[in-house]
Amino acid sequence: ARARGGRLPVVLFSPGGGTPRDIYQSLAEDLASHGYLVLAVDHTGETPVQFPDGHVEGRSVPAKNPIATNAATRLADMRLILRRLNKIAPGPRGDRRRIAAIGHSLGGSTAAALMRAEPTVRAGVDMDGSIFGPASRLGVSRPFMVMFGGEGGLDPSIRGLLEHSRGPRLALRIAGLVHFSFSDLPVSAPASIGAPKKPSVRDIAVQRAYLRAFLDRFVLGRRSPLLEGPSPRWPQVSFSYRQRCCG
């Protein structure tokens, strides 16, 4: 389908550590089909990246402080894309007044870091990832949502981000999901993710529903009953943390 005319709301997507953007197409295409301009990023050093001059940088693991080093590279990548947002041709143009950052695993920490560095990012989402860097101690000042699976509660870094943030924030536990349930793998390679039950397309559908509801609320200004309490359609979702959200 042709992209809708005018400037589109933007979602910047950062994948999990060492993983390519390709394994998150189900989430990206759903957002795109509802009118968002989705920019998913392969981060240099974590997965092969081809540059405009044609050369390819392969994967390389930093000798010291790999998470901190990769986090710094990721933040620089995302800020570069923001600066060049409407110089990417061909394609639709993004609306700089309506930008969100989302990510899986280390990508969720990247989304929080970008929100701290760039005031134009209106909302953020962390999908099953610990938070590294200042955001875990200082929080963020605009809407933020955490989605996580497993049987445990929020890890200390995520709780620190939520408790020190000032904007609306929400944490949702989705029962039955494991770390790589937040990708295409429940459908494309179900045996690889180690889920306690047989993965299904509903594992992806529930993520699509809540992710879109949150972005619609805080990027587009559209209310959704999904964010206001338990849903009979999605009984596996429970609200683990909620402050100033989301009526």
Protein backbone atom coordinates (compact mmCIF):
# COMPACT_ATOMS: atom_id res chain seq x y z
CA ALA A 1 0.00 0.00 0.00
CA ARG A 2 1.10 3.54 -0.58
CA ALA A 3 2.18 5.47 2.49
CA ARG A 4 -0.38 7.97 3.72
CA GLY A 5 0.35 11.53 2.67
CA GLY A 6 1.78 14.17 4.97
CA ARG A 7 4.31 13.78 7.73
CA LEU A 8 3.97 10.56 9.70
CA PRO A 9 4.51 9.88 13.41
CA VAL A 10 7.89 8.22 13.89
CA VAL A 11 8.93 5.12 15.84
CA LEU A 12 12.65 4.46 16.24
CA PHE A 13 13.31 0.79 17.00
CA SER A 14 16.48 -0.63 18.59
CA PRO A 15 16.89 -4.44 18.62
CA GLY A 16 18.31 -6.64 21.35
CA GLY A 17 22.04 -6.84 21.98
CA GLY A 18 23.86 -8.55 19.12
CA THR A 19 20.67 -9.19 17.17
CA PRO A 20 19.62 -7.80 13.77
CA ARG A 21 16.56 -5.69 13.14
CA ASP A 22 15.20 -8.35 10.77
CA ILE A 23 13.78 -10.55 13.54
CA TYR A 24 11.30 -7.87 14.67
CA GLN A 25 9.36 -7.39 11.44
CA SER A 26 6.02 -8.48 12.93
CA LEU A 27 6.00 -5.57 15.39
CA ALA A 28 7.38 -3.06 12.89
CA GLU A 29 4.94 -3.94 10.12
CA ASP A 30 1.96 -3.71 12.47
CA LEU A 31 2.92 -0.19 13.53
CA ALA A 32 3.59 0.77 9.90
CA SER A 33 0.18 -0.56 8.87
CA HIS A 34 -1.41 1.81 11.41
CA GLY A 35 0.29 4.90 10.07
CA TYR A 36 3.66 5.05 11.83
CA LEU A 37 6.97 5.58 10.04
CA VAL A 38 9.11 2.85 11.63
CA LEU A 39 12.90 3.09 11.47
CA ALA A 40 14.60 -0.07 12.75
CA VAL A 41 18.35 0.09 13.30
CA ASP A 42 21.22 -2.38 12.99
CA HIS A 43 23.89 -1.16 15.42
CA THR A 44 27.48 -1.08 14.23
CA GLY A 45 29.65 -3.75 15.86
CA GLU A 46 26.74 -5.89 17.02
CA THR A 47 25.58 -7.18 13.66
CA PRO A 48 26.93 -6.67 10.11
CA VAL A 49 26.18 -3.15 8.84
CA GLN A 50 26.67 -1.86 5.30
CA PHE A 51 27.59 1.81 5.00
CA PRO A 52 26.63 4.17 2.15
CA ASP A 53 30.00 3.71 0.42
CA GLY A 54 29.39 -0.04 0.23
CA HIS A 55 31.82 -1.32 2.85
CA VAL A 56 30.56 -3.67 5.55
CA GLU A 57 31.48 -3.58 9.23
CA GLY A 58 31.19 -6.99 10.82
CA ARG A 59 30.46 -7.95 14.39
CA SER A 60 33.10 -7.10 16.99
CA VAL A 61 32.99 -7.47 20.77
CA PRO A 62 34.68 -4.62 22.69
CA ALA A 63 37.60 -5.83 24.82
CA LYS A 64 36.51 -3.76 27.82
CA ASN A 65 33.08 -2.78 29.13
CA PRO A 66 31.15 -4.25 26.17
CA ILE A 67 27.69 -3.22 27.40
CA ALA A 68 28.75 0.37 28.14
CA THR A 69 30.59 0.61 24.82
CA ASN A 70 27.67 -0.78 22.84
CA ALA A 71 25.24 1.46 24.73
CA ALA A 72 27.25 4.55 23.74
CA THR A 73 27.37 3.43 20.10
CA ARG A 74 23.65 2.76 20.09
CA LEU A 75 22.82 6.19 21.48
CA ALA A 76 25.05 7.83 18.86
CA ASP A 77 23.34 5.79 16.12
CA MET A 78 19.87 6.87 17.21
CA ARG A 79 20.82 10.53 17.56
CA LEU A 80 22.34 10.49 14.07
CA ILE A 81 19.09 9.11 12.65
CA LEU A 82 17.11 11.83 14.41
CA ARG A 83 19.34 14.51 12.90
CA ARG A 84 18.95 13.02 9.42
CA LEU A 85 15.34 11.93 9.80
CA ASN A 86 14.02 13.66 6.72
CA LYS A 87 17.08 13.21 4.55
CA ILE A 88 16.39 9.53 3.98
CA ALA A 89 15.21 9.10 0.41
CA PRO A 90 13.03 7.83 -1.08
CA GLY A 91 10.12 7.49 1.26
CA PRO A 92 7.61 9.26 3.49
CA ARG A 93 8.63 12.07 5.79
CA GLY A 94 8.57 11.94 9.55
CA ASP A 95 6.90 14.40 11.90
CA ARG A 96 9.55 15.67 14.34
CA ARG A 97 6.81 16.63 16.80
CA ARG A 98 5.61 13.02 17.12
CA ILE A 99 8.53 10.68 17.82
CA ALA A 100 8.75 7.58 20.02
CA ALA A 101 11.67 5.26 20.80
CA ILE A 102 11.18 1.57 21.52
CA GLY A 103 13.44 -1.44 21.84
CA HIS A 104 13.91 -5.01 22.95
CA SER A 105 16.40 -6.04 25.66
CA LEU A 106 19.41 -3.68 25.36
CA GLY A 107 17.30 -1.78 22.84
CA GLY A 108 14.87 -0.87 25.62
CA SER A 109 17.73 0.70 27.56
CA THR A 110 18.69 2.51 24.34
CA ALA A 111 15.17 3.94 24.12
CA ALA A 112 15.41 5.30 27.67
CA ALA A 113 18.86 6.78 27.02
CA LEU A 114 17.60 8.47 23.86
CA MET A 115 14.69 10.01 25.77
CA ARG A 116 17.13 11.53 28.24
CA ALA A 117 19.33 12.91 25.45
CA GLU A 118 16.67 14.10 23.01
CA PRO A 119 13.68 16.10 24.29
CA THR A 120 11.86 15.64 20.96
CA VAL A 121 11.24 11.95 21.79
CA ARG A 122 7.78 11.98 23.32
CA ALA A 123 7.45 8.39 24.57
CA GLY A 124 9.49 5.24 25.08
CA VAL A 125 8.98 1.49 25.46
CA ASP A 126 11.30 -1.17 26.88
CA MET A 127 10.48 -4.75 25.92
CA ASP A 128 12.00 -7.13 28.46
CA GLY A 129 15.33 -5.41 28.98
CA SER A 130 17.35 -4.19 31.95
CA ILE A 131 18.21 -0.48 32.02
CA PHE A 132 21.85 0.57 31.90
CA GLY A 133 23.28 4.03 32.51
CA PRO A 134 21.80 7.17 34.09
CA ALA A 135 18.19 6.32 33.20
CA SER A 136 18.13 3.56 35.84
CA ARG A 137 18.98 6.13 38.55
CA LEU A 138 17.40 9.29 37.22
CA GLY A 139 14.48 8.07 35.14
CA VAL A 140 12.93 9.94 32.23
CA SER A 141 10.57 12.88 32.14
CA ARG A 142 8.05 11.69 29.56
CA PRO A 143 5.75 8.65 29.12
CA PHE A 144 7.46 5.27 29.36
CA MET A 145 6.18 1.68 29.28
CA VAL A 146 7.86 -1.61 30.17
CA MET A 147 6.63 -4.96 28.85
CA PHE A 148 8.13 -8.11 30.32
CA GLY A 149 7.52 -11.84 30.56
CA GLY A 150 8.62 -14.58 32.93
CA GLU A 151 7.43 -15.38 36.41
CA GLY A 152 9.45 -12.84 38.39
CA GLY A 153 8.88 -9.15 39.02
CA LEU A 154 10.64 -6.06 37.79
CA ASP A 155 14.41 -6.11 38.04
CA PRO A 156 16.05 -3.34 40.15
CA SER A 157 17.21 -1.29 37.16
CA ILE A 158 13.71 -1.13 35.67
CA ARG A 159 12.14 -0.36 39.02
CA GLY A 160 14.70 2.40 39.49
CA LEU A 161 13.77 3.94 36.14
CA LEU A 162 10.05 3.79 36.90
CA GLU A 163 10.34 5.17 40.42
CA HIS A 164 12.59 8.07 39.41
CA SER A 165 10.69 9.04 36.26
CA ARG A 166 8.30 11.99 36.23
CA GLY A 167 6.00 11.29 33.30
CA PRO A 168 3.26 8.68 32.98
CA ARG A 169 4.70 5.18 33.34
CA LEU A 170 3.41 1.67 33.10
CA ALA A 171 4.82 -1.86 33.48
CA LEU A 172 2.97 -4.86 32.04
CA ARG A 173 3.79 -8.49 32.73
CA ILE A 174 2.69 -10.87 29.98
CA ALA A 175 2.45 -14.38 31.42
CA GLY A 176 3.92 -17.20 29.36
CA LEU A 177 6.41 -15.07 27.44
CA VAL A 178 10.18 -15.46 27.61
CA HIS A 179 12.91 -13.07 26.51
CA PHE A 180 12.83 -13.78 22.78
CA SER A 181 9.07 -13.98 22.69
CA PHE A 182 9.46 -10.25 21.99
CA SER A 183 10.47 -10.90 18.39
CA ASP A 184 9.32 -12.89 15.36
CA LEU A 185 10.71 -16.13 16.83
CA PRO A 186 7.45 -17.42 18.38
CA VAL A 187 6.32 -17.95 14.78
CA SER A 188 9.50 -18.24 12.70
CA ALA A 189 11.53 -20.46 15.07
CA PRO A 190 9.35 -21.46 18.05
CA ALA A 191 11.66 -24.25 19.21
CA SER A 192 14.55 -21.83 19.67
CA ILE A 193 13.16 -19.55 22.38
CA GLY A 194 12.65 -21.98 25.28
CA ALA A 195 9.12 -20.89 26.12
CA PRO A 196 7.26 -22.82 28.86
CA LYS A 197 4.34 -23.37 26.49
CA LYS A 198 4.06 -23.78 22.76
CA PRO A 199 4.51 -20.30 21.23
CA SER A 200 1.77 -18.99 18.99
CA VAL A 201 0.77 -16.00 16.90
CA ARG A 202 -1.14 -14.71 19.94
CA ASP A 203 2.20 -14.13 21.67
CA ILE A 204 2.91 -11.55 19.01
CA ALA A 205 -0.66 -10.26 18.81
CA VAL A 206 -0.76 -9.27 22.48
CA GLN A 207 2.47 -7.30 22.11
CA ARG A 208 1.13 -5.54 19.03
CA ALA A 209 -2.06 -4.58 20.84
CA TYR A 210 -0.46 -3.02 23.92
CA LEU A 211 2.48 -1.46 22.11
CA ARG A 212 0.17 0.27 19.67
CA ALA A 213 -2.23 1.34 22.42
CA PHE A 214 0.58 3.04 24.35
CA LEU A 215 2.04 4.80 21.32
CA ASP A 216 -1.41 5.87 20.12
CA ARG A 217 -2.07 7.37 23.55
CA PHE A 218 1.15 9.31 23.99
CA VAL A 219 2.21 10.04 20.41
CA LEU A 220 -1.18 10.51 18.73
CA GLY A 221 -3.32 11.48 21.74
CA ARG A 222 -5.85 8.63 21.34
CA ARG A 223 -7.16 6.96 24.48
CA SER A 224 -7.35 3.18 24.72
CA PRO A 225 -9.23 1.08 27.29
CA LEU A 226 -6.39 -1.47 27.16
CA LEU A 227 -4.23 0.88 29.24
CA GLU A 228 -6.87 1.50 31.89
CA GLY A 229 -7.12 -1.98 33.43
CA PRO A 230 -7.28 -5.74 32.85
CA SER A 231 -8.76 -6.88 29.55
CA PRO A 232 -10.89 -10.04 29.13
CA ARG A 233 -9.39 -10.43 25.68
CA TRP A 234 -5.84 -10.55 27.07
CA PRO A 235 -6.09 -12.22 30.51
CA GLN A 236 -2.37 -13.01 30.46
CA VAL A 237 -1.54 -9.30 30.92
CA SER A 238 -1.22 -7.89 34.44
CA PHE A 239 -0.33 -4.37 35.56
CA SER A 240 2.82 -4.55 37.67
CA TYR A 241 3.40 -0.80 37.99
CA ARG A 242 1.34 2.23 37.09
CA GLN A 243 1.81 5.91 37.87
CA ARG A 244 -0.08 8.78 36.23
CA CYS A 245 -1.20 6.44 33.49
CA CYS A 246 -3.16 6.14 31.30
CA GLY A 247 -6.62 7.69 31.29
